[in-house]
Amino acid sequence: MVRRRGVVVAAVAAGLLLLGAAVYGLAVVDRPRVQSVDNSWGTVTAERTEVVSDIRVDNPLLLRLGDGVADVRYNVTLNGVRMASGVERGVRLGGSDDVVTVRTWLDNDKIQPWWVSHVNRNETTTVRVDPEVRVDYAGVDLPAEEATRTRTVRTDLLEPLNTERNRSVAVFGRTALVVEETSARWGEATRARTPIRASTTVTNELPVAVPLTDVRYTIRMNGIVVGRGTAAGRTVIPAESTRQVALRADIDNSKLDEWWVTHRRRNGSSRLSVAFDATVGYRDVDRRVTLDGLTYNRTFRTDIFDEESNGSATPGTPAVRGSPARASRGAT
């Protein structure tokens, strides 16, 4: 009898050890793994933008034999600015892999702080996607392996303004001024405004001085006016002489959420235009003219989620470069 009891106790102890080893192996060695994260944009309204994320979870062997319940959390940040976050609770897992769809919402007023960070970082954005999957199986909490995804998106919006190409400005049917060189850079962006600082070299080909007064600018993004004002005061270009003219323009950042809606509805594509006009004096007559030599257009994309290649960065790999901006050069 004593011997039989000892055998039973040993068998129970061995069973517990095996069960403990199995649980330990499941919890430590064979955890769920986030295989891929595919992001896309959903519904866009005036106030917010939907982010749709398909998270593919590779399940360990024991989860394939039974059912597990998962909580899925999800965060998206751009340059450290939290743009969207969400959670799906009680998602049942049971196959060799499962796709969990998480829908989160981005408040469009988050576009302002992101834009400021993008400009102030030399038009560079680091996209960080943090999915977190925790599975409950038979009372055991199984966190998935860390699966942070990052990629880098770059633009170069002012590149067409940095040129040495000659462009003419006609007044009263004849060439009066020649814009020989322009340069532009961003100033320090704030939540309220994004300054553009530019300068241009202008030659007066006429035998008389030409005054430029009330030089004004208009900035549009997808047709929406995001900036308008005075770019320079009165400047006189002496006869047959060359002068450098300093220009400044500001984007009103309060208009960016309105622009963002059009940007997303055009699949992440925008057309930026900057136009200048001024009052030009010639032979005691003033006329308002468009400074075609300074006006430019540029089409750019922000492929934040790498939707064009439908791929996902792998944890531990270098950030992926964003799609290069596409320029439309020349005066219009």
Protein backbone atom coordinates (compact mmCIF):
# COMPACT_ATOMS: atom_id res chain seq x y z
CA MET A 1 0.00 0.00 0.00
CA VAL A 2 2.76 2.41 0.95
CA ARG A 3 4.65 1.54 -2.19
CA ARG A 4 1.53 2.12 -4.34
CA ARG A 5 0.93 5.51 -2.68
CA GLY A 6 4.50 6.51 -3.39
CA VAL A 7 4.07 5.58 -7.04
CA VAL A 8 0.91 7.74 -7.27
CA VAL A 9 2.62 10.70 -5.61
CA ALA A 10 5.60 10.38 -7.93
CA ALA A 11 3.32 10.21 -10.96
CA VAL A 12 1.40 13.32 -9.86
CA ALA A 13 4.65 15.17 -9.19
CA ALA A 14 5.99 14.16 -12.57
CA GLY A 15 2.77 15.33 -14.22
CA LEU A 16 2.96 18.68 -12.48
CA LEU A 17 6.57 19.07 -13.51
CA LEU A 18 5.70 18.27 -17.11
CA LEU A 19 2.77 20.70 -17.04
CA GLY A 20 4.95 23.38 -15.49
CA ALA A 21 7.63 22.78 -18.08
CA ALA A 22 5.07 23.00 -20.86
CA VAL A 23 3.66 26.25 -19.51
CA TYR A 24 7.15 27.65 -19.02
CA GLY A 25 8.13 26.65 -22.53
CA LEU A 26 4.97 28.21 -23.94
CA ALA A 27 5.41 31.44 -22.00
CA VAL A 28 9.12 31.86 -22.54
CA VAL A 29 10.11 30.04 -25.69
CA ASP A 30 7.06 29.82 -27.96
CA ARG A 31 5.34 33.17 -27.69
CA PRO A 32 3.04 34.69 -30.31
CA ARG A 33 4.85 36.84 -32.85
CA VAL A 34 3.66 39.84 -34.85
CA GLN A 35 4.53 38.77 -38.36
CA SER A 36 3.54 41.91 -40.24
CA VAL A 37 1.65 45.18 -39.89
CA ASP A 38 -0.12 46.65 -42.92
CA ASN A 39 -1.48 50.17 -42.48
CA SER A 40 -3.83 52.15 -44.66
CA TRP A 41 -5.98 55.25 -44.47
CA GLY A 42 -9.73 54.91 -44.12
CA THR A 43 -12.50 57.48 -43.88
CA VAL A 44 -11.50 61.15 -43.87
CA THR A 45 -13.71 63.88 -42.41
CA ALA A 46 -13.13 67.54 -41.60
CA GLU A 47 -12.32 66.63 -37.98
CA ARG A 48 -10.54 63.28 -38.08
CA THR A 49 -8.91 60.61 -40.24
CA GLU A 50 -9.28 56.85 -39.84
CA VAL A 51 -6.19 54.61 -39.65
CA VAL A 52 -6.80 50.93 -40.50
CA SER A 53 -4.16 48.44 -39.35
CA ASP A 54 -4.08 44.74 -40.21
CA ILE A 55 -1.81 42.98 -37.70
CA ARG A 56 -0.86 39.41 -38.63
CA VAL A 57 -0.06 37.28 -35.56
CA ASP A 58 1.94 34.06 -35.92
CA ASN A 59 0.63 31.72 -33.23
CA PRO A 60 2.73 29.13 -31.35
CA LEU A 61 1.92 25.44 -31.67
CA LEU A 62 -0.19 25.19 -28.51
CA LEU A 63 -2.41 28.07 -29.65
CA ARG A 64 -2.99 26.26 -32.93
CA LEU A 65 -4.35 23.30 -30.95
CA GLY A 66 -6.69 25.40 -28.82
CA ASP A 67 -8.23 28.83 -28.54
CA GLY A 68 -6.56 31.87 -27.04
CA VAL A 69 -7.96 35.34 -26.40
CA ALA A 70 -5.85 38.39 -27.25
CA ASP A 71 -5.85 42.08 -26.40
CA VAL A 72 -4.29 44.16 -29.18
CA ARG A 73 -3.05 47.70 -28.55
CA TYR A 74 -1.72 49.99 -31.23
CA ASN A 75 0.08 53.37 -31.33
CA VAL A 76 1.28 55.50 -34.24
CA THR A 77 3.69 58.40 -33.72
CA LEU A 78 5.24 60.81 -36.20
CA ASN A 79 8.43 62.43 -34.87
CA GLY A 80 7.27 61.55 -31.38
CA VAL A 81 3.84 63.16 -31.84
CA ARG A 82 1.18 60.57 -30.99
CA MET A 83 -1.18 60.62 -33.93
CA ALA A 84 -3.42 57.61 -33.25
CA SER A 85 -3.90 54.90 -30.64
CA GLY A 86 -6.45 52.14 -30.16
CA VAL A 87 -7.20 48.75 -28.62
CA GLU A 88 -9.15 45.63 -29.58
CA ARG A 89 -10.04 43.38 -26.63
CA GLY A 90 -11.11 39.77 -26.52
CA VAL A 91 -9.92 38.82 -30.01
CA ARG A 92 -10.11 35.03 -30.34
CA LEU A 93 -7.07 33.33 -31.88
CA GLY A 94 -6.89 29.73 -33.00
CA GLY A 95 -5.26 29.25 -36.39
CA SER A 96 -1.62 29.06 -37.41
CA ASP A 97 -1.82 32.80 -37.90
CA ASP A 98 -4.56 35.36 -37.41
CA VAL A 99 -5.12 38.84 -38.83
CA VAL A 100 -6.43 41.35 -36.32
CA THR A 101 -7.85 44.56 -37.76
CA VAL A 102 -7.57 47.63 -35.54
CA ARG A 103 -9.31 50.87 -36.49
CA THR A 104 -8.10 54.05 -34.83
CA TRP A 105 -8.77 57.72 -35.41
CA LEU A 106 -6.35 60.58 -35.91
CA ASP A 107 -7.61 64.00 -34.83
CA ASN A 108 -6.81 66.36 -37.71
CA ASP A 109 -5.63 69.05 -35.30
CA LYS A 110 -2.59 66.79 -34.67
CA ILE A 111 -1.39 67.72 -38.16
CA GLN A 112 -0.11 71.10 -36.91
CA PRO A 113 2.44 69.79 -34.37
CA TRP A 114 3.53 67.06 -36.78
CA TRP A 115 4.05 69.57 -39.61
CA VAL A 116 6.13 71.82 -37.32
CA SER A 117 8.35 68.89 -36.35
CA HIS A 118 8.68 67.81 -40.00
CA VAL A 119 9.85 71.23 -41.17
CA ASN A 120 12.14 71.82 -38.19
CA ARG A 121 13.81 68.44 -38.78
CA ASN A 122 14.82 69.38 -42.32
CA GLU A 123 11.60 67.98 -43.80
CA THR A 124 12.13 64.57 -42.23
CA THR A 125 9.59 62.41 -40.38
CA THR A 126 10.21 59.20 -38.47
CA VAL A 127 7.09 57.03 -38.50
CA ARG A 128 6.88 54.65 -35.53
CA VAL A 129 4.23 51.94 -35.29
CA ASP A 130 3.96 50.07 -31.96
CA PRO A 131 1.61 47.07 -31.96
CA GLU A 132 1.29 45.14 -28.69
CA VAL A 133 -0.40 41.73 -28.58
CA ARG A 134 -1.06 39.88 -25.30
CA VAL A 135 -2.69 36.45 -25.40
CA ASP A 136 -4.46 34.70 -22.53
CA TYR A 137 -4.23 30.92 -22.90
CA ALA A 138 -5.43 28.65 -20.10
CA GLY A 139 -4.85 31.44 -17.61
CA VAL A 140 -1.31 32.14 -18.83
CA ASP A 141 -0.47 35.65 -20.07
CA LEU A 142 1.60 35.44 -23.27
CA PRO A 143 2.94 38.77 -24.55
CA ALA A 144 3.98 38.70 -28.19
CA GLU A 145 7.52 39.51 -29.16
CA GLU A 146 8.23 43.23 -29.56
CA ALA A 147 7.30 44.33 -33.07
CA THR A 148 7.98 48.06 -33.41
CA ARG A 149 8.08 49.24 -37.03
CA THR A 150 9.85 52.43 -38.14
CA ARG A 151 10.40 54.17 -41.45
CA THR A 152 11.61 57.58 -42.56
CA VAL A 153 9.73 59.93 -44.88
CA ARG A 154 11.47 62.91 -46.48
CA THR A 155 10.30 65.79 -48.65
CA ASP A 156 12.07 68.74 -50.30
CA LEU A 157 9.38 71.34 -50.90
CA LEU A 158 11.56 74.40 -51.44
CA GLU A 159 14.04 72.81 -53.84
CA PRO A 160 12.61 74.52 -56.98
CA LEU A 161 13.17 77.94 -55.38
CA ASN A 162 16.91 77.28 -55.15
CA THR A 163 17.94 77.88 -58.73
CA GLU A 164 20.25 79.96 -60.90
CA ARG A 165 18.02 79.80 -63.96
CA ASN A 166 17.23 83.18 -65.54
CA ARG A 167 13.57 84.18 -65.76
CA SER A 168 12.12 87.35 -67.22
CA VAL A 169 9.48 89.75 -65.88
CA ALA A 170 7.62 91.73 -68.54
CA VAL A 171 6.11 95.16 -67.92
CA PHE A 172 4.08 97.04 -70.51
CA GLY A 173 4.85 94.42 -73.12
CA ARG A 174 8.62 94.38 -72.77
CA THR A 175 11.18 92.67 -70.58
CA ALA A 176 11.99 94.97 -67.69
CA LEU A 177 13.53 92.71 -65.06
CA VAL A 178 15.48 89.46 -65.13
CA VAL A 179 15.47 87.20 -62.10
CA GLU A 180 18.89 85.59 -62.21
CA GLU A 181 19.05 83.59 -59.01
CA THR A 182 16.79 82.64 -56.12
CA SER A 183 17.38 80.84 -52.86
CA ALA A 184 14.96 79.80 -50.12
CA ARG A 185 14.99 78.10 -46.75
CA TRP A 186 12.59 77.42 -43.92
CA GLY A 187 12.69 79.60 -40.84
CA GLU A 188 11.92 78.16 -37.40
CA ALA A 189 8.38 76.84 -37.56
CA THR A 190 6.06 77.43 -34.62
CA ARG A 191 2.58 76.11 -33.90
CA ALA A 192 1.13 79.29 -35.45
CA ARG A 193 3.21 79.74 -38.60
CA THR A 194 5.86 78.28 -40.88
CA PRO A 195 8.16 80.99 -42.30
CA ILE A 196 9.85 80.86 -45.69
CA ARG A 197 12.91 83.07 -46.06
CA ALA A 198 13.96 83.75 -49.65
CA SER A 199 16.18 86.09 -51.58
CA THR A 200 16.49 86.79 -55.28
CA THR A 201 18.97 88.57 -57.54
CA VAL A 202 17.17 90.92 -59.93
CA THR A 203 18.65 92.85 -62.88
CA ASN A 204 16.94 95.90 -64.38
CA GLU A 205 17.57 95.94 -68.12
CA LEU A 206 15.84 99.27 -68.70
CA PRO A 207 17.63 102.64 -69.00
CA VAL A 208 15.51 104.00 -66.13
CA ALA A 209 15.10 102.95 -62.50
CA VAL A 210 12.26 100.54 -61.74
CA PRO A 211 10.61 100.71 -58.30
CA LEU A 212 8.99 97.58 -56.86
CA THR A 213 6.39 98.31 -54.20
CA ASP A 214 3.99 96.18 -52.15
CA VAL A 215 5.43 92.79 -53.12
CA ARG A 216 2.81 90.28 -52.02
CA TYR A 217 2.62 86.48 -51.92
CA THR A 218 -0.04 83.77 -51.98
CA ILE A 219 0.67 80.17 -50.93
CA ARG A 220 -1.76 77.42 -51.92
CA MET A 221 -1.80 73.71 -51.15
CA ASN A 222 -4.26 71.77 -53.30
CA GLY A 223 -5.94 75.08 -54.08
CA ILE A 224 -6.45 76.02 -50.42
CA VAL A 225 -4.89 79.36 -49.49
CA VAL A 226 -2.60 78.59 -46.54
CA GLY A 227 -0.67 81.87 -46.60
CA ARG A 228 -1.10 85.39 -47.92
CA GLY A 229 0.57 88.70 -47.09
CA THR A 230 3.37 91.17 -47.82
CA ALA A 231 6.69 89.65 -48.86
CA ALA A 232 8.73 92.86 -49.15
CA GLY A 233 8.42 96.62 -48.93
CA ARG A 234 9.56 99.18 -51.52
CA THR A 235 12.70 98.36 -53.49
CA VAL A 236 14.20 100.43 -56.31
CA ILE A 237 16.28 98.68 -58.96
CA PRO A 238 18.52 101.32 -60.57
CA ALA A 239 18.80 101.54 -64.36
CA GLU A 240 20.85 98.72 -65.88
CA SER A 241 21.83 97.51 -62.42
CA THR A 242 21.47 94.41 -60.25
CA ARG A 243 20.09 94.25 -56.74
CA GLN A 244 19.31 91.49 -54.24
CA VAL A 245 15.76 91.48 -52.93
CA ALA A 246 14.86 89.74 -49.67
CA LEU A 247 11.43 88.07 -49.51
CA ARG A 248 9.50 86.46 -46.69
CA ALA A 249 6.32 84.45 -46.62
CA ASP A 250 4.46 82.57 -43.90
CA ILE A 251 2.23 79.51 -43.95
CA ASP A 252 -0.69 79.90 -41.56
CA ASN A 253 -0.56 76.59 -39.71
CA SER A 254 -4.19 76.88 -38.64
CA LYS A 255 -5.07 76.06 -42.28
CA LEU A 256 -3.13 72.79 -42.30
CA ASP A 257 -5.93 70.56 -41.02
CA GLU A 258 -8.09 71.77 -43.91
CA TRP A 259 -5.26 71.03 -46.33
CA TRP A 260 -4.75 67.57 -44.78
CA VAL A 261 -8.27 66.49 -45.72
CA THR A 262 -7.58 67.25 -49.40
CA HIS A 263 -4.15 65.62 -49.13
CA ARG A 264 -5.61 62.34 -47.90
CA ARG A 265 -8.48 62.42 -50.40
CA ARG A 266 -5.85 62.69 -53.13
CA ASN A 267 -4.08 59.59 -51.83
CA GLY A 268 -1.35 61.50 -50.03
CA SER A 269 -0.54 63.85 -52.91
CA SER A 270 -0.50 67.67 -52.86
CA ARG A 271 0.36 70.52 -55.18
CA LEU A 272 2.14 73.41 -53.50
CA SER A 273 2.17 76.76 -55.30
CA VAL A 274 3.82 80.03 -54.29
CA ALA A 275 2.92 83.12 -56.32
CA PHE A 276 4.31 86.66 -56.03
CA ASP A 277 3.01 89.92 -57.49
CA ALA A 278 4.05 93.54 -57.10
CA THR A 279 3.35 97.07 -58.21
CA VAL A 280 5.98 98.07 -60.77
CA GLY A 281 6.60 101.69 -61.77
CA TYR A 282 7.69 102.60 -65.30
CA ARG A 283 7.62 106.07 -66.85
CA ASP A 284 5.45 107.45 -64.05
CA VAL A 285 2.87 104.69 -64.52
CA ASP A 286 2.27 102.01 -61.88
CA ARG A 287 1.00 98.60 -62.82
CA ARG A 288 0.26 95.47 -60.82
CA VAL A 289 2.13 92.53 -62.35
CA THR A 290 2.66 88.88 -61.52
CA LEU A 291 6.30 88.10 -60.86
CA ASP A 292 6.38 84.99 -63.01
CA GLY A 293 10.10 84.62 -62.43
CA LEU A 294 9.45 83.89 -58.75
CA THR A 295 6.24 81.88 -59.02
CA TYR A 296 6.57 78.10 -58.83
CA ASN A 297 4.59 74.88 -58.38
CA ARG A 298 5.62 71.60 -56.83
CA THR A 299 3.82 68.27 -56.44
CA PHE A 300 4.80 66.18 -53.46
CA ARG A 301 3.75 62.98 -51.70
CA THR A 302 3.89 61.79 -48.10
CA ASP A 303 3.83 58.00 -48.28
CA ILE A 304 3.71 57.69 -44.49
CA PHE A 305 2.57 54.06 -44.34
CA ASP A 306 4.48 52.80 -47.39
CA GLU A 307 1.19 51.90 -49.04
CA GLU A 308 2.68 52.03 -52.53
CA SER A 309 4.86 48.99 -51.84
CA ASN A 310 2.34 47.47 -49.40
CA GLY A 311 5.24 46.43 -47.18
CA SER A 312 6.21 46.62 -43.55
CA ALA A 313 9.59 47.32 -42.06
CA THR A 314 11.05 44.46 -40.06
CA PRO A 315 12.04 44.98 -36.41
CA GLY A 316 15.72 45.75 -36.12
CA THR A 317 16.20 46.86 -39.71
CA PRO A 318 17.17 50.42 -40.73
CA ALA A 319 14.35 52.85 -41.39
CA VAL A 320 13.01 52.86 -44.93
CA ARG A 321 13.35 56.04 -46.93
CA GLY A 322 10.11 57.67 -47.97
CA SER A 323 9.15 58.27 -51.55
CA PRO A 324 11.12 61.20 -53.00
CA ALA A 325 9.22 64.38 -53.69
CA ARG A 326 8.31 64.91 -57.29
CA ALA A 327 9.00 68.33 -58.68
CA SER A 328 7.23 70.36 -61.31
CA ARG A 329 9.85 72.88 -62.33
CA GLY A 330 9.50 76.14 -64.11
CA ALA A 331 7.53 79.34 -63.92
CA THR A 332 3.80 79.25 -64.46
